[in-house]
mmCIF file of all heavy atoms, coordinates in Angstrom:
data_MODEL
# 
_entry.id   MODEL 
# 
loop_
_atom_site.group_PDB 
_atom_site.id 
_atom_site.type_symbol 
_atom_site.label_atom_id 
_atom_site.label_alt_id 
_atom_site.label_comp_id 
_atom_site.label_asym_id 
_atom_site.label_entity_id 
_atom_site.label_seq_id 
_atom_site.pdbx_PDB_ins_code 
_atom_site.Cartn_x 
_atom_site.Cartn_y 
_atom_site.Cartn_z 
_atom_site.occupancy 
_atom_site.B_iso_or_equiv 
_atom_site.pdbx_formal_charge 
_atom_site.auth_seq_id 
_atom_site.auth_comp_id 
_atom_site.auth_asym_id 
_atom_site.auth_atom_id 
_atom_site.pdbx_PDB_model_num 
ATOM 1   N N   . PHE A 1 1  ? 10.024  20.690 12.434 1.00 0.00 ? 1  PHE A N   1 
ATOM 2   C CA  . PHE A 1 1  ? 9.586   19.395 12.945 1.00 0.00 ? 1  PHE A CA  1 
ATOM 3   C C   . PHE A 1 1  ? 10.504  18.292 12.422 1.00 0.00 ? 1  PHE A C   1 
ATOM 4   O O   . PHE A 1 1  ? 10.969  17.439 13.179 1.00 0.00 ? 1  PHE A O   1 
ATOM 5   C CB  . PHE A 1 1  ? 8.137   19.129 12.528 1.00 0.00 ? 1  PHE A CB  1 
ATOM 6   C CG  . PHE A 1 1  ? 7.685   17.702 12.687 1.00 0.00 ? 1  PHE A CG  1 
ATOM 7   C CD1 . PHE A 1 1  ? 7.311   17.206 13.919 1.00 0.00 ? 1  PHE A CD1 1 
ATOM 8   C CD2 . PHE A 1 1  ? 7.647   16.843 11.594 1.00 0.00 ? 1  PHE A CD2 1 
ATOM 9   C CE1 . PHE A 1 1  ? 6.902   15.889 14.066 1.00 0.00 ? 1  PHE A CE1 1 
ATOM 10  C CE2 . PHE A 1 1  ? 7.236   15.536 11.724 1.00 0.00 ? 1  PHE A CE2 1 
ATOM 11  C CZ  . PHE A 1 1  ? 6.867   15.052 12.973 1.00 0.00 ? 1  PHE A CZ  1 
ATOM 12  N N   . LEU A 1 2  ? 10.773  18.321 11.114 1.00 0.00 ? 2  LEU A N   1 
ATOM 13  C CA  . LEU A 1 2  ? 11.641  17.304 10.512 1.00 0.00 ? 2  LEU A CA  1 
ATOM 14  C C   . LEU A 1 2  ? 13.030  17.343 11.147 1.00 0.00 ? 2  LEU A C   1 
ATOM 15  O O   . LEU A 1 2  ? 13.586  16.302 11.502 1.00 0.00 ? 2  LEU A O   1 
ATOM 16  C CB  . LEU A 1 2  ? 11.738  17.503 9.000  1.00 0.00 ? 2  LEU A CB  1 
ATOM 17  C CG  . LEU A 1 2  ? 10.451  17.299 8.193  1.00 0.00 ? 2  LEU A CG  1 
ATOM 18  C CD1 . LEU A 1 2  ? 10.670  17.686 6.737  1.00 0.00 ? 2  LEU A CD1 1 
ATOM 19  C CD2 . LEU A 1 2  ? 9.952   15.881 8.308  1.00 0.00 ? 2  LEU A CD2 1 
ATOM 20  N N   . ARG A 1 3  ? 13.599  18.556 11.288 1.00 0.00 ? 3  ARG A N   1 
ATOM 21  C CA  . ARG A 1 3  ? 14.930  18.683 11.895 1.00 0.00 ? 3  ARG A CA  1 
ATOM 22  C C   . ARG A 1 3  ? 14.934  18.198 13.332 1.00 0.00 ? 3  ARG A C   1 
ATOM 23  O O   . ARG A 1 3  ? 15.842  17.486 13.752 1.00 0.00 ? 3  ARG A O   1 
ATOM 24  C CB  . ARG A 1 3  ? 15.393  20.147 11.860 1.00 0.00 ? 3  ARG A CB  1 
ATOM 25  C CG  . ARG A 1 3  ? 15.991  20.587 10.569 1.00 0.00 ? 3  ARG A CG  1 
ATOM 26  C CD  . ARG A 1 3  ? 16.670  21.936 10.699 1.00 0.00 ? 3  ARG A CD  1 
ATOM 27  N NE  . ARG A 1 3  ? 15.789  22.957 11.240 1.00 0.00 ? 3  ARG A NE  1 
ATOM 28  C CZ  . ARG A 1 3  ? 14.907  23.661 10.533 1.00 0.00 ? 3  ARG A CZ  1 
ATOM 29  N NH1 . ARG A 1 3  ? 14.781  23.451 9.247  1.00 0.00 ? 3  ARG A NH1 1 
ATOM 30  N NH2 . ARG A 1 3  ? 14.170  24.585 11.103 1.00 0.00 ? 3  ARG A NH2 1 
ATOM 31  N N   . THR A 1 4  ? 13.919  18.588 14.102 1.00 0.00 ? 4  THR A N   1 
ATOM 32  C CA  . THR A 1 4  ? 13.850  18.226 15.518 1.00 0.00 ? 4  THR A CA  1 
ATOM 33  C C   . THR A 1 4  ? 13.829  16.721 15.709 1.00 0.00 ? 4  THR A C   1 
ATOM 34  O O   . THR A 1 4  ? 14.466  16.190 16.616 1.00 0.00 ? 4  THR A O   1 
ATOM 35  C CB  . THR A 1 4  ? 12.601  18.856 16.175 1.00 0.00 ? 4  THR A CB  1 
ATOM 36  O OG1 . THR A 1 4  ? 12.682  20.275 16.041 1.00 0.00 ? 4  THR A OG1 1 
ATOM 37  C CG2 . THR A 1 4  ? 12.493  18.488 17.635 1.00 0.00 ? 4  THR A CG2 1 
ATOM 38  N N   . PHE A 1 5  ? 13.129  16.028 14.831 1.00 0.00 ? 5  PHE A N   1 
ATOM 39  C CA  . PHE A 1 5  ? 13.005  14.579 14.975 1.00 0.00 ? 5  PHE A CA  1 
ATOM 40  C C   . PHE A 1 5  ? 13.944  13.805 14.058 1.00 0.00 ? 5  PHE A C   1 
ATOM 41  O O   . PHE A 1 5  ? 13.857  12.583 13.951 1.00 0.00 ? 5  PHE A O   1 
ATOM 42  C CB  . PHE A 1 5  ? 11.543  14.158 14.766 1.00 0.00 ? 5  PHE A CB  1 
ATOM 43  C CG  . PHE A 1 5  ? 10.662  14.615 15.895 1.00 0.00 ? 5  PHE A CG  1 
ATOM 44  C CD1 . PHE A 1 5  ? 9.985   15.817 15.818 1.00 0.00 ? 5  PHE A CD1 1 
ATOM 45  C CD2 . PHE A 1 5  ? 10.558  13.877 17.054 1.00 0.00 ? 5  PHE A CD2 1 
ATOM 46  C CE1 . PHE A 1 5  ? 9.196   16.264 16.868 1.00 0.00 ? 5  PHE A CE1 1 
ATOM 47  C CE2 . PHE A 1 5  ? 9.782   14.304 18.114 1.00 0.00 ? 5  PHE A CE2 1 
ATOM 48  C CZ  . PHE A 1 5  ? 9.098   15.507 18.020 1.00 0.00 ? 5  PHE A CZ  1 
ATOM 49  N N   . GLY A 1 6  ? 14.866  14.504 13.390 1.00 0.00 ? 6  GLY A N   1 
ATOM 50  C CA  . GLY A 1 6  ? 15.889  13.843 12.572 1.00 0.00 ? 6  GLY A CA  1 
ATOM 51  C C   . GLY A 1 6  ? 15.332  13.146 11.351 1.00 0.00 ? 6  GLY A C   1 
ATOM 52  O O   . GLY A 1 6  ? 15.841  12.100 10.952 1.00 0.00 ? 6  GLY A O   1 
ATOM 53  N N   . LEU A 1 7  ? 14.307  13.710 10.739 1.00 0.00 ? 7  LEU A N   1 
ATOM 54  C CA  . LEU A 1 7  ? 13.685  13.121 9.556  1.00 0.00 ? 7  LEU A CA  1 
ATOM 55  C C   . LEU A 1 7  ? 14.027  13.944 8.322  1.00 0.00 ? 7  LEU A C   1 
ATOM 56  O O   . LEU A 1 7  ? 14.204  15.155 8.414  1.00 0.00 ? 7  LEU A O   1 
ATOM 57  C CB  . LEU A 1 7  ? 12.157  13.091 9.724  1.00 0.00 ? 7  LEU A CB  1 
ATOM 58  C CG  . LEU A 1 7  ? 11.604  12.375 10.953 1.00 0.00 ? 7  LEU A CG  1 
ATOM 59  C CD1 . LEU A 1 7  ? 10.120  12.639 11.094 1.00 0.00 ? 7  LEU A CD1 1 
ATOM 60  C CD2 . LEU A 1 7  ? 11.873  10.889 10.862 1.00 0.00 ? 7  LEU A CD2 1 
ATOM 61  N N   . THR A 1 8  ? 14.110  13.286 7.178  1.00 0.00 ? 8  THR A N   1 
ATOM 62  C CA  . THR A 1 8  ? 14.295  14.034 5.939  1.00 0.00 ? 8  THR A CA  1 
ATOM 63  C C   . THR A 1 8  ? 12.969  14.256 5.233  1.00 0.00 ? 8  THR A C   1 
ATOM 64  O O   . THR A 1 8  ? 12.846  15.159 4.427  1.00 0.00 ? 8  THR A O   1 
ATOM 65  C CB  . THR A 1 8  ? 15.273  13.327 4.972  1.00 0.00 ? 8  THR A CB  1 
ATOM 66  O OG1 . THR A 1 8  ? 14.779  12.025 4.704  1.00 0.00 ? 8  THR A OG1 1 
ATOM 67  C CG2 . THR A 1 8  ? 16.666  13.268 5.564  1.00 0.00 ? 8  THR A CG2 1 
ATOM 68  N N   . SER A 1 9  ? 11.976  13.407 5.523  1.00 0.00 ? 9  SER A N   1 
ATOM 69  C CA  . SER A 1 9  ? 10.640  13.594 4.956  1.00 0.00 ? 9  SER A CA  1 
ATOM 70  C C   . SER A 1 9  ? 9.629   12.883 5.851  1.00 0.00 ? 9  SER A C   1 
ATOM 71  O O   . SER A 1 9  ? 9.993   12.064 6.705  1.00 0.00 ? 9  SER A O   1 
ATOM 72  C CB  . SER A 1 9  ? 10.555  13.034 3.534  1.00 0.00 ? 9  SER A CB  1 
ATOM 73  O OG  . SER A 1 9  ? 10.555  11.635 3.559  1.00 0.00 ? 9  SER A OG  1 
ATOM 74  N N   . LEU A 1 10 ? 8.367   13.185 5.629  1.00 0.00 ? 10 LEU A N   1 
ATOM 75  C CA  . LEU A 1 10 ? 7.312   12.581 6.434  1.00 0.00 ? 10 LEU A CA  1 
ATOM 76  C C   . LEU A 1 10 ? 7.180   11.080 6.181  1.00 0.00 ? 10 LEU A C   1 
ATOM 77  O O   . LEU A 1 10 ? 6.645   10.360 7.019  1.00 0.00 ? 10 LEU A O   1 
ATOM 78  C CB  . LEU A 1 10 ? 5.979   13.279 6.147  1.00 0.00 ? 10 LEU A CB  1 
ATOM 79  C CG  . LEU A 1 10 ? 5.915   14.727 6.623  1.00 0.00 ? 10 LEU A CG  1 
ATOM 80  C CD1 . LEU A 1 10 ? 4.651   15.397 6.113  1.00 0.00 ? 10 LEU A CD1 1 
ATOM 81  C CD2 . LEU A 1 10 ? 6.008   14.814 8.123  1.00 0.00 ? 10 LEU A CD2 1 
ATOM 82  N N   . GLU A 1 11 ? 7.674   10.609 5.039  1.00 0.00 ? 11 GLU A N   1 
ATOM 83  C CA  . GLU A 1 11 ? 7.615   9.178  4.751  1.00 0.00 ? 11 GLU A CA  1 
ATOM 84  C C   . GLU A 1 11 ? 8.439   8.367  5.755  1.00 0.00 ? 11 GLU A C   1 
ATOM 85  O O   . GLU A 1 11 ? 8.262   7.161  5.872  1.00 0.00 ? 11 GLU A O   1 
ATOM 86  C CB  . GLU A 1 11 ? 8.096   8.882  3.324  1.00 0.00 ? 11 GLU A CB  1 
ATOM 87  C CG  . GLU A 1 11 ? 7.089   9.248  2.246  1.00 0.00 ? 11 GLU A CG  1 
ATOM 88  C CD  . GLU A 1 11 ? 7.050   10.735 1.948  1.00 0.00 ? 11 GLU A CD  1 
ATOM 89  O OE1 . GLU A 1 11 ? 8.114   11.378 1.931  1.00 0.00 ? 11 GLU A OE1 1 
ATOM 90  O OE2 . GLU A 1 11 ? 5.938   11.253 1.763  1.00 0.00 ? 11 GLU A OE2 1 
ATOM 91  N N   . GLU A 1 12 ? 9.357   9.017  6.446  1.00 0.00 ? 12 GLU A N   1 
ATOM 92  C CA  . GLU A 1 12 ? 10.193  8.318  7.427  1.00 0.00 ? 12 GLU A CA  1 
ATOM 93  C C   . GLU A 1 12 ? 9.516   8.157  8.786  1.00 0.00 ? 12 GLU A C   1 
ATOM 94  O O   . GLU A 1 12 ? 10.080  7.538  9.683  1.00 0.00 ? 12 GLU A O   1 
ATOM 95  C CB  . GLU A 1 12 ? 11.519  9.054  7.606  1.00 0.00 ? 12 GLU A CB  1 
ATOM 96  C CG  . GLU A 1 12 ? 12.411  8.976  6.405  1.00 0.00 ? 12 GLU A CG  1 
ATOM 97  C CD  . GLU A 1 12 ? 13.747  9.665  6.626  1.00 0.00 ? 12 GLU A CD  1 
ATOM 98  O OE1 . GLU A 1 12 ? 14.036  10.118 7.754  1.00 0.00 ? 12 GLU A OE1 1 
ATOM 99  O OE2 . GLU A 1 12 ? 14.509  9.756  5.657  1.00 0.00 ? 12 GLU A OE2 1 
ATOM 100 N N   . LEU A 1 13 ? 8.301   8.706  8.935  1.00 0.00 ? 13 LEU A N   1 
ATOM 101 C CA  . LEU A 1 13 ? 7.578   8.499  10.190 1.00 0.00 ? 13 LEU A CA  1 
ATOM 102 C C   . LEU A 1 13 ? 7.334   7.001  10.360 1.00 0.00 ? 13 LEU A C   1 
ATOM 103 O O   . LEU A 1 13 ? 7.039   6.305  9.384  1.00 0.00 ? 13 LEU A O   1 
ATOM 104 C CB  . LEU A 1 13 ? 6.230   9.227  10.167 1.00 0.00 ? 13 LEU A CB  1 
ATOM 105 C CG  . LEU A 1 13 ? 6.270   10.733 10.360 1.00 0.00 ? 13 LEU A CG  1 
ATOM 106 C CD1 . LEU A 1 13 ? 4.887   11.331 10.106 1.00 0.00 ? 13 LEU A CD1 1 
ATOM 107 C CD2 . LEU A 1 13 ? 6.750   11.096 11.743 1.00 0.00 ? 13 LEU A CD2 1 
ATOM 108 N N   . PRO A 1 14 ? 7.438   6.509  11.575 1.00 0.00 ? 14 PRO A N   1 
ATOM 109 C CA  . PRO A 1 14 ? 7.178   5.077  11.760 1.00 0.00 ? 14 PRO A CA  1 
ATOM 110 C C   . PRO A 1 14 ? 5.736   4.742  11.391 1.00 0.00 ? 14 PRO A C   1 
ATOM 111 O O   . PRO A 1 14 ? 4.852   5.597  11.531 1.00 0.00 ? 14 PRO A O   1 
ATOM 112 C CB  . PRO A 1 14 ? 7.439   4.845  13.250 1.00 0.00 ? 14 PRO A CB  1 
ATOM 113 C CG  . PRO A 1 14 ? 7.529   6.179  13.876 1.00 0.00 ? 14 PRO A CG  1 
ATOM 114 C CD  . PRO A 1 14 ? 7.774   7.188  12.805 1.00 0.00 ? 14 PRO A CD  1 
ATOM 115 N N   . PRO A 1 15 ? 5.498   3.534  10.914 1.00 0.00 ? 15 PRO A N   1 
ATOM 116 C CA  . PRO A 1 15 ? 4.128   3.187  10.534 1.00 0.00 ? 15 PRO A CA  1 
ATOM 117 C C   . PRO A 1 15 ? 3.216   3.228  11.757 1.00 0.00 ? 15 PRO A C   1 
ATOM 118 O O   . PRO A 1 15 ? 3.625   2.880  12.864 1.00 0.00 ? 15 PRO A O   1 
ATOM 119 C CB  . PRO A 1 15 ? 4.238   1.768  9.972  1.00 0.00 ? 15 PRO A CB  1 
ATOM 120 C CG  . PRO A 1 15 ? 5.564   1.263  10.401 1.00 0.00 ? 15 PRO A CG  1 
ATOM 121 C CD  . PRO A 1 15 ? 6.430   2.434  10.712 1.00 0.00 ? 15 PRO A CD  1 
ATOM 122 N N   . MET A 1 16 ? 1.998   3.675  11.519 1.00 0.00 ? 16 MET A N   1 
ATOM 123 C CA  . MET A 1 16 ? 1.035   3.775  12.596 1.00 0.00 ? 16 MET A CA  1 
ATOM 124 C C   . MET A 1 16 ? 0.455   2.394  12.857 1.00 0.00 ? 16 MET A C   1 
ATOM 125 O O   . MET A 1 16 ? 0.250   1.611  11.926 1.00 0.00 ? 16 MET A O   1 
ATOM 126 C CB  . MET A 1 16 ? -0.069  4.754  12.191 1.00 0.00 ? 16 MET A CB  1 
ATOM 127 C CG  . MET A 1 16 ? -0.938  5.131  13.329 1.00 0.00 ? 16 MET A CG  1 
ATOM 128 S SD  . MET A 1 16 ? -2.103  6.482  12.998 1.00 0.00 ? 16 MET A SD  1 
ATOM 129 C CE  . MET A 1 16 ? -2.235  6.584  11.267 1.00 0.00 ? 16 MET A CE  1 
ATOM 130 N N   . ASP A 1 17 ? 0.176   2.097  14.113 1.00 0.00 ? 17 ASP A N   1 
ATOM 131 C CA  . ASP A 1 17 ? -0.468  0.843  14.476 1.00 0.00 ? 17 ASP A CA  1 
ATOM 132 C C   . ASP A 1 17 ? -1.904  0.913  13.985 1.00 0.00 ? 17 ASP A C   1 
ATOM 133 O O   . ASP A 1 17 ? -2.763  1.517  14.619 1.00 0.00 ? 17 ASP A O   1 
ATOM 134 C CB  . ASP A 1 17 ? -0.414  0.633  15.999 1.00 0.00 ? 17 ASP A CB  1 
ATOM 135 C CG  . ASP A 1 17 ? -1.085  -0.652 16.444 1.00 0.00 ? 17 ASP A CG  1 
ATOM 136 O OD1 . ASP A 1 17 ? -1.453  -1.473 15.575 1.00 0.00 ? 17 ASP A OD1 1 
ATOM 137 O OD2 . ASP A 1 17 ? -1.239  -0.838 17.663 1.00 0.00 ? 17 ASP A OD2 1 
ATOM 138 N N   . ARG A 1 18 ? -2.152  0.340  12.805 1.00 0.00 ? 18 ARG A N   1 
ATOM 139 C CA  . ARG A 1 18 ? -3.463  0.457  12.166 1.00 0.00 ? 18 ARG A CA  1 
ATOM 140 C C   . ARG A 1 18 ? -4.563  -0.202 12.992 1.00 0.00 ? 18 ARG A C   1 
ATOM 141 O O   . ARG A 1 18 ? -5.700  0.229  12.958 1.00 0.00 ? 18 ARG A O   1 
ATOM 142 C CB  . ARG A 1 18 ? -3.439  -0.152 10.760 1.00 0.00 ? 18 ARG A CB  1 
ATOM 143 C CG  . ARG A 1 18 ? -2.671  0.641  9.744  1.00 0.00 ? 18 ARG A CG  1 
ATOM 144 C CD  . ARG A 1 18 ? -3.057  2.098  9.618  1.00 0.00 ? 18 ARG A CD  1 
ATOM 145 N NE  . ARG A 1 18 ? -4.480  2.325  9.466  1.00 0.00 ? 18 ARG A NE  1 
ATOM 146 C CZ  . ARG A 1 18 ? -5.061  3.499  9.559  1.00 0.00 ? 18 ARG A CZ  1 
ATOM 147 N NH1 . ARG A 1 18 ? -4.375  4.568  9.834  1.00 0.00 ? 18 ARG A NH1 1 
ATOM 148 N NH2 . ARG A 1 18 ? -6.361  3.638  9.409  1.00 0.00 ? 18 ARG A NH2 1 
ATOM 149 N N   . THR A 1 19 ? -4.249  -1.249 13.757 1.00 0.00 ? 19 THR A N   1 
ATOM 150 C CA  . THR A 1 19 ? -5.271  -1.918 14.545 1.00 0.00 ? 19 THR A CA  1 
ATOM 151 C C   . THR A 1 19 ? -5.863  -0.952 15.553 1.00 0.00 ? 19 THR A C   1 
ATOM 152 O O   . THR A 1 19 ? -7.071  -0.817 15.674 1.00 0.00 ? 19 THR A O   1 
ATOM 153 C CB  . THR A 1 19 ? -4.675  -3.143 15.272 1.00 0.00 ? 19 THR A CB  1 
ATOM 154 O OG1 . THR A 1 19 ? -4.015  -3.948 14.307 1.00 0.00 ? 19 THR A OG1 1 
ATOM 155 C CG2 . THR A 1 19 ? -5.745  -3.934 15.967 1.00 0.00 ? 19 THR A CG2 1 
ATOM 156 N N   . ALA A 1 20 ? -4.998  -0.222 16.264 1.00 0.00 ? 20 ALA A N   1 
ATOM 157 C CA  . ALA A 1 20 ? -5.472  0.738  17.262 1.00 0.00 ? 20 ALA A CA  1 
ATOM 158 C C   . ALA A 1 20 ? -6.188  1.895  16.574 1.00 0.00 ? 20 ALA A C   1 
ATOM 159 O O   . ALA A 1 20 ? -7.230  2.368  17.038 1.00 0.00 ? 20 ALA A O   1 
ATOM 160 C CB  . ALA A 1 20 ? -4.306  1.250  18.097 1.00 0.00 ? 20 ALA A CB  1 
ATOM 161 N N   . ALA A 1 21 ? -5.653  2.375  15.448 1.00 0.00 ? 21 ALA A N   1 
ATOM 162 C CA  . ALA A 1 21 ? -6.263  3.492  14.739 1.00 0.00 ? 21 ALA A CA  1 
ATOM 163 C C   . ALA A 1 21 ? -7.629  3.100  14.185 1.00 0.00 ? 21 ALA A C   1 
ATOM 164 O O   . ALA A 1 21 ? -8.581  3.864  14.275 1.00 0.00 ? 21 ALA A O   1 
ATOM 165 C CB  . ALA A 1 21 ? -5.344  3.967  13.620 1.00 0.00 ? 21 ALA A CB  1 
ATOM 166 N N   . ASP A 1 22 ? -7.737  1.886  13.621 1.00 0.00 ? 22 ASP A N   1 
ATOM 167 C CA  . ASP A 1 22 ? -9.009  1.418  13.082 1.00 0.00 ? 22 ASP A CA  1 
ATOM 168 C C   . ASP A 1 22 ? -10.038 1.261  14.185 1.00 0.00 ? 22 ASP A C   1 
ATOM 169 O O   . ASP A 1 22 ? -11.200 1.606  14.028 1.00 0.00 ? 22 ASP A O   1 
ATOM 170 C CB  . ASP A 1 22 ? -8.836  0.097  12.327 1.00 0.00 ? 22 ASP A CB  1 
ATOM 171 C CG  . ASP A 1 22 ? -8.063  0.277  11.024 1.00 0.00 ? 22 ASP A CG  1 
ATOM 172 O OD1 . ASP A 1 22 ? -7.953  1.417  10.547 1.00 0.00 ? 22 ASP A OD1 1 
ATOM 173 O OD2 . ASP A 1 22 ? -7.562  -0.737 10.509 1.00 0.00 ? 22 ASP A OD2 1 
ATOM 174 N N   . ALA A 1 23 ? -9.609  0.738  15.334 1.00 0.00 ? 23 ALA A N   1 
ATOM 175 C CA  . ALA A 1 23 ? -10.515 0.576  16.464 1.00 0.00 ? 23 ALA A CA  1 
ATOM 176 C C   . ALA A 1 23 ? -11.010 1.932  16.948 1.00 0.00 ? 23 ALA A C   1 
ATOM 177 O O   . ALA A 1 23 ? -12.192 2.104  17.262 1.00 0.00 ? 23 ALA A O   1 
ATOM 178 C CB  . ALA A 1 23 ? -9.824  -0.175 17.599 1.00 0.00 ? 23 ALA A CB  1 
ATOM 179 N N   . GLU A 1 24 ? -10.120 2.902  16.998 1.00 0.00 ? 24 GLU A N   1 
ATOM 180 C CA  . GLU A 1 24 ? -10.499 4.249  17.436 1.00 0.00 ? 24 GLU A CA  1 
ATOM 181 C C   . GLU A 1 24 ? -11.474 4.879  16.445 1.00 0.00 ? 24 GLU A C   1 
ATOM 182 O O   . GLU A 1 24 ? -12.466 5.479  16.856 1.00 0.00 ? 24 GLU A O   1 
ATOM 183 C CB  . GLU A 1 24 ? -9.242  5.110  17.579 1.00 0.00 ? 24 GLU A CB  1 
ATOM 184 C CG  . GLU A 1 24 ? -9.521  6.463  18.194 1.00 0.00 ? 24 GLU A CG  1 
ATOM 185 C CD  . GLU A 1 24 ? -8.240  7.206  18.491 1.00 0.00 ? 24 GLU A CD  1 
ATOM 186 O OE1 . GLU A 1 24 ? -7.253  6.570  18.884 1.00 0.00 ? 24 GLU A OE1 1 
ATOM 187 O OE2 . GLU A 1 24 ? -8.243  8.434  18.317 1.00 0.00 ? 24 GLU A OE2 1 
ATOM 188 N N   . GLU A 1 25 ? -11.216 4.738  15.140 1.00 0.00 ? 25 GLU A N   1 
ATOM 189 C CA  . GLU A 1 25 ? -12.118 5.295  14.140 1.00 0.00 ? 25 GLU A CA  1 
ATOM 190 C C   . GLU A 1 25 ? -13.485 4.628  14.207 1.00 0.00 ? 25 GLU A C   1 
ATOM 191 O O   . GLU A 1 25 ? -14.512 5.285  14.083 1.00 0.00 ? 25 GLU A O   1 
ATOM 192 C CB  . GLU A 1 25 ? -11.518 5.147  12.741 1.00 0.00 ? 25 GLU A CB  1 
ATOM 193 C CG  . GLU A 1 25 ? -10.363 6.084  12.480 1.00 0.00 ? 25 GLU A CG  1 
ATOM 194 C CD  . GLU A 1 25 ? -9.715  5.862  11.124 1.00 0.00 ? 25 GLU A CD  1 
ATOM 195 O OE1 . GLU A 1 25 ? -10.310 5.186  10.272 1.00 0.00 ? 25 GLU A OE1 1 
ATOM 196 O OE2 . GLU A 1 25 ? -8.591  6.377  10.937 1.00 0.00 ? 25 GLU A OE2 1 
ATOM 197 N N   . THR A 1 26 ? -13.511 3.324  14.442 1.00 0.00 ? 26 THR A N   1 
ATOM 198 C CA  . THR A 1 26 ? -14.772 2.601  14.581 1.00 0.00 ? 26 THR A CA  1 
ATOM 199 C C   . THR A 1 26 ? -15.535 3.117  15.783 1.00 0.00 ? 26 THR A C   1 
ATOM 200 O O   . THR A 1 26 ? -16.738 3.356  15.718 1.00 0.00 ? 26 THR A O   1 
ATOM 201 C CB  . THR A 1 26 ? -14.521 1.087  14.703 1.00 0.00 ? 26 THR A CB  1 
ATOM 202 O OG1 . THR A 1 26 ? -13.810 0.656  13.551 1.00 0.00 ? 26 THR A OG1 1 
ATOM 203 C CG2 . THR A 1 26 ? -15.826 0.320  14.843 1.00 0.00 ? 26 THR A CG2 1 
# 
């Protein structure tokens, strides 16, 4: 997965849009 998406670690994933995620969890 890391190689396919050109990442060296999961910390390089773009930040998640917390507003949408919080709304979905609510």
